[in-house]
Amino acid sequence: METTKKELSYFRLKLENYLSEHFPEMQNDKPFITARADEALTTYCDAVAQGFSHPGAEAMASEVLYRGLRFSKYDTLVSVLENEFEKELPSPLPKGFPRYF
């Protein structure tokens, strides 16, 4: 059995967490995650090298990391289900609900 090492990357982990919570359909898109995390890291390093503060560089990198990921169909679905079917749904919602849809 062959195992692969996964490089620890702050930006990769941050993006993977965000995708799992808001864009579950994208959480297995490894090429996208790798490219976006690498781009965010480059942005962060360039910003620090140019004299930006670490929080400022982090904000710039986050803009790159989350570019185009503001509207989530998943979050919309959860909101509609919670608002329209409040009485029919268990409270609190099961963890990961409604990833089964």
C-alpha atoms as a PDB file:
ATOM      1  CA  MET A   1       0.000   0.000   0.000  1.00  0.00           C
ATOM      2  CA  GLU A   2       1.428   3.347  -1.033  1.00  0.00           C
ATOM      3  CA  THR A   3       0.823   6.405   1.074  1.00  0.00           C
ATOM      4  CA  THR A   4       1.275   9.953  -0.096  1.00  0.00           C
ATOM      5  CA  LYS A   5       2.539  12.753   2.062  1.00  0.00           C
ATOM      6  CA  LYS A   6       0.361  15.826   2.195  1.00  0.00           C
ATOM      7  CA  GLU A   7       2.216  19.082   2.558  1.00  0.00           C
ATOM      8  CA  LEU A   8       0.911  21.177   5.423  1.00  0.00           C
ATOM      9  CA  SER A   9      -0.088  24.570   4.174  1.00  0.00           C
ATOM     10  CA  TYR A  10      -1.951  27.187   6.168  1.00  0.00           C
ATOM     11  CA  PHE A  11      -3.711  28.480   3.068  1.00  0.00           C
ATOM     12  CA  ARG A  12      -4.561  24.978   1.826  1.00  0.00           C
ATOM     13  CA  LEU A  13      -6.082  24.028   5.190  1.00  0.00           C
ATOM     14  CA  LYS A  14      -7.951  27.315   5.389  1.00  0.00           C
ATOM     15  CA  LEU A  15      -9.413  26.829   1.896  1.00  0.00           C
ATOM     16  CA  GLU A  16     -10.248  23.155   2.466  1.00  0.00           C
ATOM     17  CA  ASN A  17     -12.115  24.048   5.651  1.00  0.00           C
ATOM     18  CA  TYR A  18     -14.025  26.850   3.909  1.00  0.00           C
ATOM     19  CA  LEU A  19     -14.948  24.599   0.986  1.00  0.00           C
ATOM     20  CA  SER A  20     -16.123  21.792   3.267  1.00  0.00           C
ATOM     21  CA  GLU A  21     -18.432  24.199   5.097  1.00  0.00           C
ATOM     22  CA  HIS A  22     -19.743  26.272   2.174  1.00  0.00           C
ATOM     23  CA  PHE A  23     -18.903  24.489  -1.103  1.00  0.00           C
ATOM     24  CA  PRO A  24     -18.929  20.735  -0.352  1.00  0.00           C
ATOM     25  CA  GLU A  25     -19.171  19.989  -4.076  1.00  0.00           C
ATOM     26  CA  MET A  26     -15.686  21.525  -4.525  1.00  0.00           C
ATOM     27  CA  GLN A  27     -13.889  20.022  -1.533  1.00  0.00           C
ATOM     28  CA  ASN A  28     -12.302  17.243  -3.612  1.00  0.00           C
ATOM     29  CA  ASP A  29     -11.047  19.511  -6.414  1.00  0.00           C
ATOM     30  CA  LYS A  30      -7.365  19.098  -5.530  1.00  0.00           C
ATOM     31  CA  PRO A  31      -5.941  20.977  -8.555  1.00  0.00           C
ATOM     32  CA  PHE A  32      -8.107  24.015  -7.737  1.00  0.00           C
ATOM     33  CA  ILE A  33      -7.208  23.886  -4.038  1.00  0.00           C
ATOM     34  CA  THR A  34      -3.493  23.541  -4.747  1.00  0.00           C
ATOM     35  CA  ALA A  35      -3.425  26.335  -7.319  1.00  0.00           C
ATOM     36  CA  ARG A  36      -5.446  28.736  -5.176  1.00  0.00           C
ATOM     37  CA  ALA A  37      -3.454  28.000  -1.998  1.00  0.00           C
ATOM     38  CA  ASP A  38      -0.177  28.493  -3.871  1.00  0.00           C
ATOM     39  CA  GLU A  39      -1.434  31.772  -5.329  1.00  0.00           C
ATOM     40  CA  ALA A  40      -2.488  32.987  -1.867  1.00  0.00           C
ATOM     41  CA  LEU A  41       0.908  32.049  -0.409  1.00  0.00           C
ATOM     42  CA  THR A  42       2.694  33.931  -3.192  1.00  0.00           C
ATOM     43  CA  THR A  43       0.489  36.969  -2.581  1.00  0.00           C
ATOM     44  CA  TYR A  44       1.220  36.826   1.148  1.00  0.00           C
ATOM     45  CA  CYS A  45       4.990  36.518   0.668  1.00  0.00           C
ATOM     46  CA  ASP A  46       5.070  39.313  -1.913  1.00  0.00           C
ATOM     47  CA  ALA A  47       3.045  41.607   0.345  1.00  0.00           C
ATOM     48  CA  VAL A  48       5.344  41.001   3.329  1.00  0.00           C
ATOM     49  CA  ALA A  49       8.406  41.559   1.118  1.00  0.00           C
ATOM     50  CA  GLN A  50       6.893  44.871  -0.001  1.00  0.00           C
ATOM     51  CA  GLY A  51       6.580  45.997   3.611  1.00  0.00           C
ATOM     52  CA  PHE A  52       2.931  45.272   4.367  1.00  0.00           C
ATOM     53  CA  SER A  53       2.117  44.155   7.904  1.00  0.00           C
ATOM     54  CA  HIS A  54       1.379  40.476   8.469  1.00  0.00           C
ATOM     55  CA  PRO A  55      -2.350  41.144   9.058  1.00  0.00           C
ATOM     56  CA  GLY A  56      -2.428  43.260   5.896  1.00  0.00           C
ATOM     57  CA  ALA A  57      -0.670  40.545   3.908  1.00  0.00           C
ATOM     58  CA  GLU A  58      -3.090  37.971   5.351  1.00  0.00           C
ATOM     59  CA  ALA A  59      -6.056  40.061   4.191  1.00  0.00           C
ATOM     60  CA  MET A  60      -4.600  40.327   0.692  1.00  0.00           C
ATOM     61  CA  ALA A  61      -3.941  36.579   0.558  1.00  0.00           C
ATOM     62  CA  SER A  62      -7.479  35.844   1.774  1.00  0.00           C
ATOM     63  CA  GLU A  63      -8.910  37.928  -1.063  1.00  0.00           C
ATOM     64  CA  VAL A  64      -6.994  35.730  -3.501  1.00  0.00           C
ATOM     65  CA  LEU A  65      -7.898  32.530  -1.651  1.00  0.00           C
ATOM     66  CA  TYR A  66     -11.661  33.183  -1.652  1.00  0.00           C
ATOM     67  CA  ARG A  67     -11.929  34.949  -5.033  1.00  0.00           C
ATOM     68  CA  GLY A  68     -15.166  33.892  -6.727  1.00  0.00           C
ATOM     69  CA  LEU A  69     -16.371  31.894  -3.714  1.00  0.00           C
ATOM     70  CA  ARG A  70     -18.783  34.366  -2.131  1.00  0.00           C
ATOM     71  CA  PHE A  71     -22.125  32.885  -3.240  1.00  0.00           C
ATOM     72  CA  SER A  72     -22.741  29.362  -1.989  1.00  0.00           C
ATOM     73  CA  LYS A  73     -25.599  27.279  -3.378  1.00  0.00           C
ATOM     74  CA  TYR A  74     -25.130  25.014  -0.359  1.00  0.00           C
ATOM     75  CA  ASP A  75     -25.650  27.871   2.129  1.00  0.00           C
ATOM     76  CA  THR A  76     -28.694  29.016   0.149  1.00  0.00           C
ATOM     77  CA  LEU A  77     -30.191  25.523   0.289  1.00  0.00           C
ATOM     78  CA  VAL A  78     -29.604  25.252   4.036  1.00  0.00           C
ATOM     79  CA  SER A  79     -31.169  28.676   4.588  1.00  0.00           C
ATOM     80  CA  VAL A  80     -34.263  27.805   2.529  1.00  0.00           C
ATOM     81  CA  LEU A  81     -34.695  24.488   4.323  1.00  0.00           C
ATOM     82  CA  GLU A  82     -34.317  26.101   7.736  1.00  0.00           C
ATOM     83  CA  ASN A  83     -36.736  28.926   6.933  1.00  0.00           C
ATOM     84  CA  GLU A  84     -39.389  27.019   4.987  1.00  0.00           C
ATOM     85  CA  PHE A  85     -39.351  23.690   6.813  1.00  0.00           C
ATOM     86  CA  GLU A  86     -38.474  24.749  10.339  1.00  0.00           C
ATOM     87  CA  LYS A  87     -41.180  22.611  11.960  1.00  0.00           C
ATOM     88  CA  GLU A  88     -40.365  19.490   9.925  1.00  0.00           C
ATOM     89  CA  LEU A  89     -36.614  19.556  10.571  1.00  0.00           C
ATOM     90  CA  PRO A  90     -34.982  18.226  13.728  1.00  0.00           C
ATOM     91  CA  SER A  91     -33.585  20.839  16.062  1.00  0.00           C
ATOM     92  CA  PRO A  92     -30.672  21.222  16.209  1.00  0.00           C
ATOM     93  CA  LEU A  93     -29.838  20.086  12.700  1.00  0.00           C
ATOM     94  CA  PRO A  94     -27.572  17.043  12.517  1.00  0.00           C
ATOM     95  CA  LYS A  95     -23.913  17.849  11.917  1.00  0.00           C
ATOM     96  CA  GLY A  96     -23.238  18.027   8.190  1.00  0.00           C
ATOM     97  CA  PHE A  97     -26.908  18.503   7.302  1.00  0.00           C
ATOM     98  CA  PRO A  98     -27.989  18.531   4.442  1.00  0.00           C
ATOM     99  CA  ARG A  99     -24.902  17.094   2.740  1.00  0.00           C
ATOM    100  CA  TYR A 100     -27.013  14.071   1.848  1.00  0.00           C
ATOM    101  CA  PHE A 101     -29.136  15.974  -0.694  1.00  0.00           C
END
